[in-house]
Amino acid sequence: MKSFVLALGLVTGVCGYCGASARPDRRTVTLKPGDNFIDATVVITDAVRYVSAPGAKSRVVGARILKASDFRKVTDPLVLSRIPEEGRGSVHVCDFRSRMGAPAVFIGGRIGELARWPNAGEWAYVSSGDVVCRGVKTGSRYTGCAFVLSDPRAKRWNFASGVRMKGYWTHDWAFSEACVGSFGTVNGTNDVVTFSYPIPYGLLSTHTLGGLAKRRYYVFGLLEELDASGEYFYDHEAGRLYVAAPEGIGRLGEIAVCDSEGPVFEVRDASGVEFVGVDVAYRKDGFLKLSGARSLLVDDCNFTCCGASYAVEASGAERCTIRNTKLSVLGAGGILMDGGDRPALRRGENLIENCKVLHFGIIKRTYAPAVRLEGVGNTVRGCELAYAPHMAVAPVCNYGLFEFNDVHDVLLETGDCGAFYTGRNWFKGQGQVFRYNHIHDLGKLGGSSCAIYFDDCQ
């Protein structure tokens, strides 16, 4: 892993954003042209300004970039015997020993698709007639869920090494993962899949509020299903990354693998930190984390390809601004902004303005909004929030303001939901204002989606 190069200097003069005098102690970090690789989290505890090199394209990269020459075609007969016959000639392998279990993989500017059945864009289904056990409620979860999976492909899977599934098991707003404990005969019924640990709400266990009669799911992380271009499988024990590339590995685009923990940048109890014109790509645990940040500015930045954490996550923030910034291709949510003192109703005065948050909730498909606003007195203004399976905004902010936003193409695979989803807690939602927002082209699974949803009549 290469280190990134810094050019340091002092910021002087007057700030063009708020008119205040610039801090004489603030350093400038100028990123070198090209890629600046960051492995361990950069922790910021004092005033600093990050900018790109003048007149050049700079990018912060939070992962390792693999070259086409790092891969070779699979020739091991034991491995080939597990790959579907139609894909055996197109799978490439790279030796890559991850430092943290399963790494995050990005292929061609997208979040890599773990080899799955059915392939991306399709679902397998469980109907009520397939259910062997809906689950026994244990606390808040259900144990022992089981159903018949009669598709002959299942007999090829190695259940002893672990088979995982993700699905909407009961509700069209609750997406969760299940691990298969066994596959076989149960009380005379053949081909029964039994989950090894509890899942929320069970398996078709309660009324689905007008949702689909059949429950949707897919199986993932199987070498035996590595058959579609751009899919991958990671063998942790062997330290090998397998990628399906029928058109050639070089034609898939850039392949990045992140096995680093933590965000790229973390700001701790600092004021006056700025990121201006900075592009950041590829990270599993988010790009920017703020803890007690004050008067922070993120302007004209581009954050793309994040794993299963919020791309930007702030707690205890005051007078922080994120604007003119694009966040895209996100495994979970976009921005979590928490600031202000709720017991004292002291405003945080944090602002998210003129941003684009696009293609989010790719891995965590429910409750991973483009923006989650918490605390008191924070604003989301003039943003485009679009392309997601579930909600766009989770407003949990007293006296929060949401105005002039363009929200569209969300709720694309969920039901009983809203583009703006709030309610169930009158205290945390008191004083919120929604005005002049354009909310359109929403999904209508089961006919139960809406623009602004105050859940449970609150």
Protein backbone atom coordinates (compact mmCIF):
# COMPACT_ATOMS: atom_id res chain seq x y z
CA MET A 1 0.00 0.00 0.00
CA LYS A 2 1.47 3.35 -1.04
CA SER A 3 1.29 6.35 1.27
CA PHE A 4 -0.23 9.59 0.14
CA VAL A 5 1.88 12.71 -0.30
CA LEU A 6 1.10 15.94 1.55
CA ALA A 7 1.99 19.52 0.73
CA LEU A 8 1.54 21.62 3.86
CA GLY A 9 1.04 25.35 4.21
CA LEU A 10 -0.91 27.97 6.13
CA VAL A 11 -4.35 29.36 5.28
CA THR A 12 -4.57 33.12 5.61
CA GLY A 13 -7.07 35.83 4.68
CA VAL A 14 -10.84 35.80 4.88
CA CYS A 15 -13.06 32.73 4.59
CA GLY A 16 -15.25 32.93 1.48
CA TYR A 17 -17.98 30.83 3.09
CA CYS A 18 -18.83 32.70 6.26
CA GLY A 19 -16.82 35.94 5.98
CA ALA A 20 -14.84 35.16 9.12
CA SER A 21 -11.09 35.54 9.26
CA ALA A 22 -9.33 32.34 8.40
CA ARG A 23 -7.50 30.69 11.25
CA PRO A 24 -3.77 31.42 11.05
CA ASP A 25 -2.98 28.03 12.60
CA ARG A 26 -4.88 26.04 9.97
CA ARG A 27 -2.70 23.90 7.71
CA THR A 28 -3.46 23.15 4.10
CA VAL A 29 -3.05 19.58 2.90
CA THR A 30 -2.75 19.54 -0.88
CA LEU A 31 -3.30 16.10 -2.37
CA LYS A 32 -0.83 15.09 -5.05
CA PRO A 33 -2.20 14.60 -8.58
CA GLY A 34 -3.55 11.14 -9.24
CA ASP A 35 -4.38 8.62 -6.55
CA ASN A 36 -3.55 9.20 -2.87
CA PHE A 37 -3.80 5.85 -1.07
CA ILE A 38 -4.90 5.83 2.57
CA ASP A 39 -4.83 2.60 4.55
CA ALA A 40 -5.25 3.44 8.25
CA THR A 41 -7.78 6.11 9.26
CA VAL A 42 -6.46 9.68 9.19
CA VAL A 43 -7.45 11.13 12.58
CA ILE A 44 -7.86 14.94 12.63
CA THR A 45 -7.83 16.79 15.94
CA ASP A 46 -7.06 20.38 14.87
CA ALA A 47 -7.86 22.84 12.08
CA VAL A 48 -6.78 21.62 8.64
CA ARG A 49 -7.94 22.16 5.07
CA TYR A 50 -7.77 19.39 2.47
CA VAL A 51 -7.73 20.44 -1.20
CA SER A 52 -6.85 18.86 -4.52
CA ALA A 53 -3.75 19.85 -6.44
CA PRO A 54 -4.43 23.01 -8.49
CA GLY A 55 -5.28 22.25 -12.10
CA ALA A 56 -4.97 18.49 -11.62
CA LYS A 57 -7.22 15.60 -10.76
CA SER A 58 -6.62 14.14 -7.31
CA ARG A 59 -8.37 11.22 -5.66
CA VAL A 60 -8.16 9.72 -2.18
CA VAL A 61 -8.40 5.92 -2.41
CA GLY A 62 -9.25 3.91 0.69
CA ALA A 63 -8.59 0.47 -0.80
CA ARG A 64 -6.10 -1.50 -2.85
CA ILE A 65 -6.40 -1.29 -6.63
CA LEU A 66 -5.85 -4.64 -8.34
CA LYS A 67 -4.43 -4.79 -11.85
CA ALA A 68 -5.53 -7.18 -14.57
CA SER A 69 -2.07 -8.75 -14.40
CA ASP A 70 -2.75 -9.72 -10.76
CA PHE A 71 -5.35 -12.23 -12.02
CA ARG A 72 -5.00 -15.54 -13.81
CA LYS A 73 -7.58 -17.93 -15.22
CA VAL A 74 -8.71 -20.69 -12.89
CA THR A 75 -7.18 -24.07 -13.78
CA ASP A 76 -7.49 -25.96 -10.48
CA PRO A 77 -9.79 -28.93 -11.30
CA LEU A 78 -11.26 -29.02 -7.78
CA VAL A 79 -12.28 -25.36 -8.01
CA LEU A 80 -13.54 -25.74 -11.57
CA SER A 81 -15.74 -28.66 -10.51
CA ARG A 82 -17.61 -26.34 -8.13
CA ILE A 83 -18.15 -23.53 -10.65
CA PRO A 84 -21.26 -23.81 -12.88
CA GLU A 85 -20.35 -25.44 -16.16
CA GLU A 86 -21.36 -22.39 -18.20
CA GLY A 87 -18.94 -20.18 -16.26
CA ARG A 88 -15.87 -22.34 -15.93
CA GLY A 89 -13.94 -20.71 -18.75
CA SER A 90 -14.55 -17.16 -17.58
CA VAL A 91 -13.49 -17.13 -13.92
CA HIS A 92 -10.23 -15.44 -12.90
CA VAL A 93 -8.42 -15.65 -9.57
CA CYS A 94 -6.10 -13.33 -7.65
CA ASP A 95 -4.07 -14.15 -4.55
CA PHE A 96 -5.27 -11.72 -1.90
CA ARG A 97 -4.92 -12.37 1.82
CA SER A 98 -7.43 -10.16 3.63
CA ARG A 99 -6.48 -8.78 7.03
CA MET A 100 -10.04 -8.55 8.36
CA GLY A 101 -12.21 -11.42 7.19
CA ALA A 102 -14.43 -10.65 4.25
CA PRO A 103 -13.13 -7.58 2.38
CA ALA A 104 -15.26 -5.07 0.51
CA VAL A 105 -14.92 -5.55 -3.25
CA PHE A 106 -15.70 -2.90 -5.88
CA ILE A 107 -15.79 -3.73 -9.58
CA GLY A 108 -16.18 -1.25 -12.41
CA GLY A 109 -17.29 1.60 -10.17
CA ARG A 110 -19.92 -0.52 -8.44
CA ILE A 111 -20.17 -2.54 -5.26
CA GLY A 112 -19.14 -6.05 -6.24
CA GLU A 113 -21.90 -8.66 -6.32
CA LEU A 114 -21.14 -11.74 -4.24
CA ALA A 115 -21.90 -14.79 -6.36
CA ARG A 116 -25.61 -15.45 -5.85
CA TRP A 117 -28.70 -17.34 -6.90
CA PRO A 118 -30.78 -16.11 -8.55
CA ASN A 119 -28.56 -13.56 -10.24
CA ALA A 120 -28.85 -9.83 -9.49
CA GLY A 121 -32.25 -8.38 -10.36
CA GLU A 122 -34.08 -11.64 -9.73
CA TRP A 123 -35.57 -13.28 -6.62
CA ALA A 124 -36.38 -16.74 -5.32
CA TYR A 125 -39.70 -17.05 -3.47
CA VAL A 126 -41.15 -18.78 -0.44
CA SER A 127 -44.92 -19.28 -0.41
CA SER A 128 -47.02 -20.28 2.59
CA GLY A 129 -47.15 -23.84 1.23
CA ASP A 130 -43.35 -24.09 1.39
CA VAL A 131 -43.13 -23.14 5.06
CA VAL A 132 -42.27 -25.97 7.46
CA CYS A 133 -41.85 -23.75 10.52
CA ARG A 134 -42.71 -20.06 10.70
CA GLY A 135 -40.46 -19.72 13.74
CA VAL A 136 -40.89 -19.78 17.48
CA LYS A 137 -40.84 -16.33 19.04
CA THR A 138 -37.90 -15.99 21.40
CA GLY A 139 -37.66 -12.48 22.78
CA SER A 140 -37.92 -10.14 19.81
CA ARG A 141 -36.87 -12.74 17.23
CA TYR A 142 -37.99 -16.08 15.82
CA THR A 143 -35.99 -19.30 16.00
CA GLY A 144 -36.21 -22.50 13.96
CA CYS A 145 -37.55 -21.00 10.73
CA ALA A 146 -37.63 -23.61 7.99
CA PHE A 147 -38.97 -24.01 4.44
CA VAL A 148 -38.77 -26.35 1.47
CA LEU A 149 -36.24 -25.38 -1.22
CA SER A 150 -36.92 -27.82 -4.02
CA ASP A 151 -34.77 -26.25 -6.74
CA PRO A 152 -32.17 -28.87 -7.79
CA ARG A 153 -29.37 -26.28 -7.67
CA ALA A 154 -29.46 -26.44 -3.88
CA LYS A 155 -28.05 -29.96 -3.95
CA ARG A 156 -24.79 -28.57 -5.38
CA TRP A 157 -24.20 -26.14 -2.51
CA ASN A 158 -21.76 -26.91 0.28
CA PHE A 159 -24.00 -26.44 3.32
CA ALA A 160 -21.26 -27.72 5.62
CA SER A 161 -19.10 -24.67 4.83
CA GLY A 162 -22.01 -22.27 5.30
CA VAL A 163 -24.83 -21.02 3.12
CA ARG A 164 -26.29 -17.55 3.66
CA MET A 165 -29.50 -15.97 2.46
CA LYS A 166 -30.97 -12.47 2.47
CA GLY A 167 -34.62 -11.70 2.08
CA TYR A 168 -37.87 -10.03 3.01
CA TRP A 169 -38.95 -12.98 5.15
CA THR A 170 -42.23 -11.58 6.48
CA HIS A 171 -42.59 -7.83 5.86
CA ASP A 172 -41.80 -5.85 2.73
CA TRP A 173 -39.93 -3.32 4.87
CA ALA A 174 -37.73 -5.74 6.81
CA PHE A 175 -34.71 -7.10 4.93
CA SER A 176 -32.40 -9.38 6.89
CA GLU A 177 -29.76 -12.07 6.57
CA ALA A 178 -30.20 -15.70 7.58
CA CYS A 179 -27.60 -18.45 7.93
CA VAL A 180 -28.62 -21.98 6.96
CA GLY A 181 -27.95 -24.53 9.68
CA SER A 182 -29.07 -27.62 7.80
CA PHE A 183 -30.56 -28.88 4.54
CA GLY A 184 -32.28 -32.24 4.37
CA THR A 185 -35.27 -34.22 5.59
CA VAL A 186 -37.36 -32.97 8.51
CA ASN A 187 -40.26 -35.10 9.79
CA GLY A 188 -40.57 -36.86 6.44
CA THR A 189 -40.37 -33.67 4.35
CA ASN A 190 -37.42 -33.51 1.95
CA ASP A 191 -35.24 -30.55 0.91
CA VAL A 192 -35.90 -28.50 4.05
CA VAL A 193 -33.73 -25.47 4.76
CA THR A 194 -33.53 -24.65 8.49
CA PHE A 195 -32.07 -21.39 9.74
CA SER A 196 -29.35 -21.68 12.36
CA TYR A 197 -30.09 -18.47 14.26
CA PRO A 198 -33.11 -16.24 14.90
CA ILE A 199 -34.43 -13.68 12.43
CA PRO A 200 -36.75 -10.70 13.03
CA TYR A 201 -40.49 -11.34 12.55
CA GLY A 202 -40.09 -14.98 11.52
CA LEU A 203 -40.99 -16.54 8.18
CA LEU A 204 -44.40 -15.43 6.86
CA SER A 205 -45.32 -15.31 10.53
CA THR A 206 -47.61 -12.28 10.62
CA HIS A 207 -49.86 -10.21 8.39
CA THR A 208 -47.81 -8.39 5.74
CA LEU A 209 -50.04 -5.29 5.46
CA GLY A 210 -50.99 -5.66 1.81
CA GLY A 211 -47.55 -6.84 0.73
CA LEU A 212 -46.59 -9.66 -1.61
CA ALA A 213 -48.09 -13.07 -0.89
CA LYS A 214 -44.73 -14.76 -1.51
CA ARG A 215 -41.56 -13.85 0.38
CA ARG A 216 -38.52 -12.80 -1.67
CA TYR A 217 -34.95 -13.94 -1.00
CA TYR A 218 -31.66 -14.86 -2.60
CA VAL A 219 -28.68 -17.05 -1.68
CA PHE A 220 -25.23 -15.45 -1.80
CA GLY A 221 -21.53 -16.04 -1.28
CA LEU A 222 -21.36 -19.35 -3.15
CA LEU A 223 -18.57 -20.40 -5.49
CA GLU A 224 -21.13 -22.81 -6.97
CA GLU A 225 -23.10 -19.79 -8.28
CA LEU A 226 -20.23 -17.78 -9.76
CA ASP A 227 -21.65 -17.46 -13.27
CA ALA A 228 -22.52 -13.80 -14.05
CA SER A 229 -20.12 -11.14 -15.27
CA GLY A 230 -18.80 -9.04 -12.38
CA GLU A 231 -19.76 -11.48 -9.63
CA TYR A 232 -17.08 -12.49 -7.17
CA PHE A 233 -16.32 -15.05 -4.46
CA TYR A 234 -13.71 -14.67 -1.73
CA ASP A 235 -12.08 -17.75 -0.22
CA HIS A 236 -10.84 -16.52 3.15
CA GLU A 237 -9.01 -19.73 4.08
CA ALA A 238 -7.06 -19.85 0.83
CA GLY A 239 -6.70 -16.06 0.50
CA ARG A 240 -8.04 -15.96 -3.04
CA LEU A 241 -10.45 -13.65 -4.85
CA TYR A 242 -12.41 -15.19 -7.74
CA VAL A 243 -14.11 -12.93 -10.31
CA ALA A 244 -16.34 -13.94 -13.24
CA ALA A 245 -15.28 -12.07 -16.37
CA PRO A 246 -16.43 -13.77 -19.58
CA GLU A 247 -15.34 -10.76 -21.64
CA GLY A 248 -11.89 -10.66 -20.00
CA ILE A 249 -10.79 -9.32 -16.61
CA GLY A 250 -9.47 -6.10 -18.13
CA ARG A 251 -12.90 -5.17 -19.46
CA LEU A 252 -14.62 -5.11 -16.08
CA GLY A 253 -13.09 -1.76 -15.18
CA GLU A 254 -11.24 -0.88 -12.02
CA ILE A 255 -11.21 -3.55 -9.29
CA ALA A 256 -10.63 -2.33 -5.73
CA VAL A 257 -10.51 -4.35 -2.52
CA CYS A 258 -10.73 -2.82 0.96
CA ASP A 259 -9.53 -4.80 3.95
CA SER A 260 -8.92 -1.77 6.18
CA GLU A 261 -11.04 -1.02 9.24
CA GLY A 262 -12.48 2.38 10.05
CA PRO A 263 -13.32 5.39 7.86
CA VAL A 264 -10.85 7.24 5.65
CA PHE A 265 -11.01 10.42 7.77
CA GLU A 266 -12.12 10.90 11.36
CA VAL A 267 -12.52 14.35 12.93
CA ARG A 268 -12.44 14.33 16.74
CA ASP A 269 -13.44 17.40 18.75
CA ALA A 270 -11.94 19.77 16.19
CA SER A 271 -13.19 23.01 14.67
CA GLY A 272 -12.44 24.68 11.36
CA VAL A 273 -11.72 21.50 9.38
CA GLU A 274 -12.44 21.77 5.65
CA PHE A 275 -12.56 19.38 2.69
CA VAL A 276 -12.81 21.32 -0.58
CA GLY A 277 -12.84 19.69 -4.02
CA VAL A 278 -11.74 16.31 -2.69
CA ASP A 279 -12.73 13.03 -4.36
CA VAL A 280 -12.76 9.91 -2.17
CA ALA A 281 -13.41 6.37 -3.38
CA TYR A 282 -13.61 2.82 -2.05
CA ARG A 283 -14.01 2.13 1.65
CA LYS A 284 -15.82 -0.49 3.70
CA ASP A 285 -16.43 1.55 6.87
CA GLY A 286 -17.31 4.99 5.52
CA PHE A 287 -15.41 8.02 4.27
CA LEU A 288 -15.81 10.63 6.98
CA LYS A 289 -16.69 10.30 10.67
CA LEU A 290 -17.25 13.35 12.86
CA SER A 291 -17.23 13.24 16.65
CA GLY A 292 -17.83 16.62 18.27
CA ALA A 293 -16.86 18.54 15.12
CA ARG A 294 -17.60 22.27 14.99
CA SER A 295 -17.70 24.67 12.02
CA LEU A 296 -16.65 21.93 9.59
CA LEU A 297 -17.06 22.39 5.84
CA VAL A 298 -17.34 19.76 3.10
CA ASP A 299 -17.72 21.50 -0.26
CA ASP A 300 -17.59 20.35 -3.89
CA CYS A 301 -16.49 16.83 -3.00
CA ASN A 302 -17.30 13.47 -4.58
CA PHE A 303 -17.62 10.35 -2.40
CA THR A 304 -18.25 7.09 -4.22
CA CYS A 305 -18.28 3.36 -3.52
CA CYS A 306 -18.79 2.80 0.19
CA GLY A 307 -19.52 -0.52 1.91
CA ALA A 308 -22.11 -1.17 4.61
CA SER A 309 -21.71 2.00 6.73
CA TYR A 310 -22.91 5.58 6.34
CA ALA A 311 -20.60 7.43 3.96
CA VAL A 312 -20.58 10.42 6.32
CA GLU A 313 -21.50 9.99 9.99
CA ALA A 314 -21.59 12.86 12.46
CA SER A 315 -22.40 12.92 16.18
CA GLY A 316 -22.34 15.96 18.43
CA ALA A 317 -21.84 18.23 15.41
CA GLU A 318 -22.33 22.02 15.57
CA ARG A 319 -22.50 24.46 12.64
CA CYS A 320 -21.17 21.87 10.20
CA THR A 321 -21.96 22.26 6.48
CA ILE A 322 -21.94 19.66 3.71
CA ARG A 323 -22.79 21.20 0.35
CA ASN A 324 -22.31 20.88 -3.42
CA THR A 325 -21.19 17.31 -2.81
CA LYS A 326 -22.12 14.04 -4.51
CA LEU A 327 -22.34 10.73 -2.67
CA SER A 328 -23.07 7.67 -4.78
CA VAL A 329 -22.90 3.88 -4.93
CA LEU A 330 -23.41 3.31 -1.22
CA GLY A 331 -23.92 -0.04 0.46
CA ALA A 332 -25.86 1.59 3.31
CA GLY A 333 -26.92 5.19 3.93
CA GLY A 334 -25.48 8.49 2.78
CA ILE A 335 -25.26 11.04 5.61
CA LEU A 336 -26.11 10.63 9.29
CA MET A 337 -26.09 14.08 10.85
CA ASP A 338 -26.66 14.36 14.61
CA GLY A 339 -26.19 17.70 16.31
CA GLY A 340 -27.79 19.89 18.93
CA ASP A 341 -28.84 19.31 22.52
CA ARG A 342 -32.29 17.73 22.73
CA PRO A 343 -32.92 18.16 26.51
CA ALA A 344 -32.08 21.87 26.23
CA LEU A 345 -33.51 22.20 22.69
CA ARG A 346 -30.27 23.91 21.66
CA ARG A 347 -29.97 23.98 17.89
CA GLY A 348 -27.10 22.26 16.12
CA GLU A 349 -27.34 24.55 13.05
CA ASN A 350 -25.91 21.85 10.79
CA LEU A 351 -26.67 22.15 7.08
CA ILE A 352 -26.78 19.67 4.19
CA GLU A 353 -27.31 21.72 1.04
CA ASN A 354 -27.27 21.22 -2.73
CA CYS A 355 -25.96 17.66 -2.45
CA LYS A 356 -26.72 14.56 -4.51
CA VAL A 357 -27.08 11.20 -2.78
CA LEU A 358 -27.69 8.57 -5.43
CA HIS A 359 -27.80 4.76 -5.56
CA PHE A 360 -27.75 3.97 -1.85
CA GLY A 361 -28.98 1.02 0.25
CA ILE A 362 -27.30 -1.46 -2.08
CA ILE A 363 -26.25 -3.91 0.68
CA LYS A 364 -28.38 -2.80 3.66
CA ARG A 365 -31.58 -2.54 1.67
CA THR A 366 -33.91 -1.15 4.34
CA TYR A 367 -33.52 1.66 6.88
CA ALA A 368 -30.42 3.00 5.14
CA PRO A 369 -31.60 6.44 4.00
CA ALA A 370 -29.78 9.03 1.93
CA VAL A 371 -30.02 11.34 4.95
CA ARG A 372 -30.77 10.60 8.59
CA LEU A 373 -31.17 13.81 10.55
CA GLU A 374 -31.07 13.66 14.35
CA GLY A 375 -30.74 16.14 17.19
CA VAL A 376 -32.20 19.66 17.10
CA GLY A 377 -32.33 22.46 14.56
CA ASN A 378 -30.62 20.97 11.51
CA THR A 379 -31.47 21.48 7.82
CA VAL A 380 -31.55 19.52 4.54
CA ARG A 381 -32.03 21.90 1.61
CA GLY A 382 -31.95 21.65 -2.18
CA CYS A 383 -30.69 18.07 -2.39
CA GLU A 384 -31.38 15.32 -4.92
CA LEU A 385 -31.98 11.97 -3.19
CA ALA A 386 -32.68 9.08 -5.54
CA TYR A 387 -32.41 5.42 -6.53
CA ALA A 388 -32.86 3.17 -3.55
CA PRO A 389 -34.97 0.17 -2.48
CA HIS A 390 -36.34 1.86 0.64
CA MET A 391 -36.70 5.35 2.15
CA ALA A 392 -34.82 8.51 1.24
CA VAL A 393 -34.94 10.49 4.50
CA ALA A 394 -35.22 9.50 8.17
CA PRO A 395 -36.12 12.75 9.97
CA VAL A 396 -35.60 12.22 13.70
CA CYS A 397 -34.76 15.84 14.48
CA ASN A 398 -36.63 18.34 16.62
CA TYR A 399 -37.17 21.52 14.61
CA GLY A 400 -35.54 20.00 11.57
CA LEU A 401 -36.12 21.74 8.24
CA PHE A 402 -36.48 19.88 4.94
CA GLU A 403 -37.03 22.15 1.95
CA PHE A 404 -36.54 22.39 -1.84
CA ASN A 405 -35.39 18.77 -2.13
CA ASP A 406 -35.92 16.57 -5.19
CA VAL A 407 -36.72 13.04 -4.00
CA HIS A 408 -37.45 10.35 -6.59
CA ASP A 409 -37.03 6.70 -7.55
CA VAL A 410 -36.97 5.41 -3.99
CA LEU A 411 -39.11 2.70 -2.29
CA LEU A 412 -38.34 0.64 -5.39
CA GLU A 413 -38.64 -2.80 -3.78
CA THR A 414 -40.38 -2.21 -0.44
CA GLY A 415 -43.90 -1.67 0.88
CA ASP A 416 -45.64 -0.02 3.85
CA CYS A 417 -43.08 2.79 3.72
CA GLY A 418 -42.51 6.43 2.85
CA ALA A 419 -39.89 8.50 1.03
CA PHE A 420 -39.75 10.57 4.23
CA TYR A 421 -40.29 8.15 7.10
CA THR A 422 -40.96 9.42 10.60
CA GLY A 423 -43.36 8.89 13.48
CA ARG A 424 -43.61 6.34 16.30
CA ASN A 425 -41.97 8.90 18.61
CA TRP A 426 -43.78 12.21 19.01
CA PHE A 427 -41.02 13.64 21.20
CA LYS A 428 -38.20 13.24 18.67
CA GLY A 429 -40.29 14.49 15.76
CA GLN A 430 -41.78 17.61 17.32
CA GLY A 431 -41.32 20.85 15.38
CA GLN A 432 -40.17 19.38 12.05
CA VAL A 433 -40.99 21.36 8.89
CA PHE A 434 -41.41 19.81 5.43
CA ARG A 435 -41.94 22.37 2.66
CA TYR A 436 -41.38 22.89 -1.06
CA ASN A 437 -40.07 19.36 -1.67
CA HIS A 438 -40.68 17.60 -5.00
CA ILE A 439 -41.38 13.94 -4.21
CA HIS A 440 -42.19 11.84 -7.27
CA ASP A 441 -41.78 8.56 -9.16
CA LEU A 442 -41.92 6.36 -6.08
CA GLY A 443 -42.14 2.57 -6.04
CA LYS A 444 -45.55 1.07 -5.32
CA LEU A 445 -44.97 -2.48 -4.12
CA GLY A 446 -48.36 -3.70 -2.97
CA GLY A 447 -49.73 -0.16 -3.38
CA SER A 448 -48.60 0.88 0.09
CA SER A 449 -45.98 3.60 -0.34
CA CYS A 450 -46.35 7.33 0.26
CA ALA A 451 -44.37 10.56 0.09
CA ILE A 452 -44.30 11.38 3.82
CA TYR A 453 -45.15 8.60 6.27
CA PHE A 454 -46.03 9.36 9.89
CA ASP A 455 -45.95 5.78 11.10
CA ASP A 456 -48.33 4.37 13.71
CA CYS A 457 -50.40 7.58 13.66
CA GLN A 458 -47.69 9.64 15.35
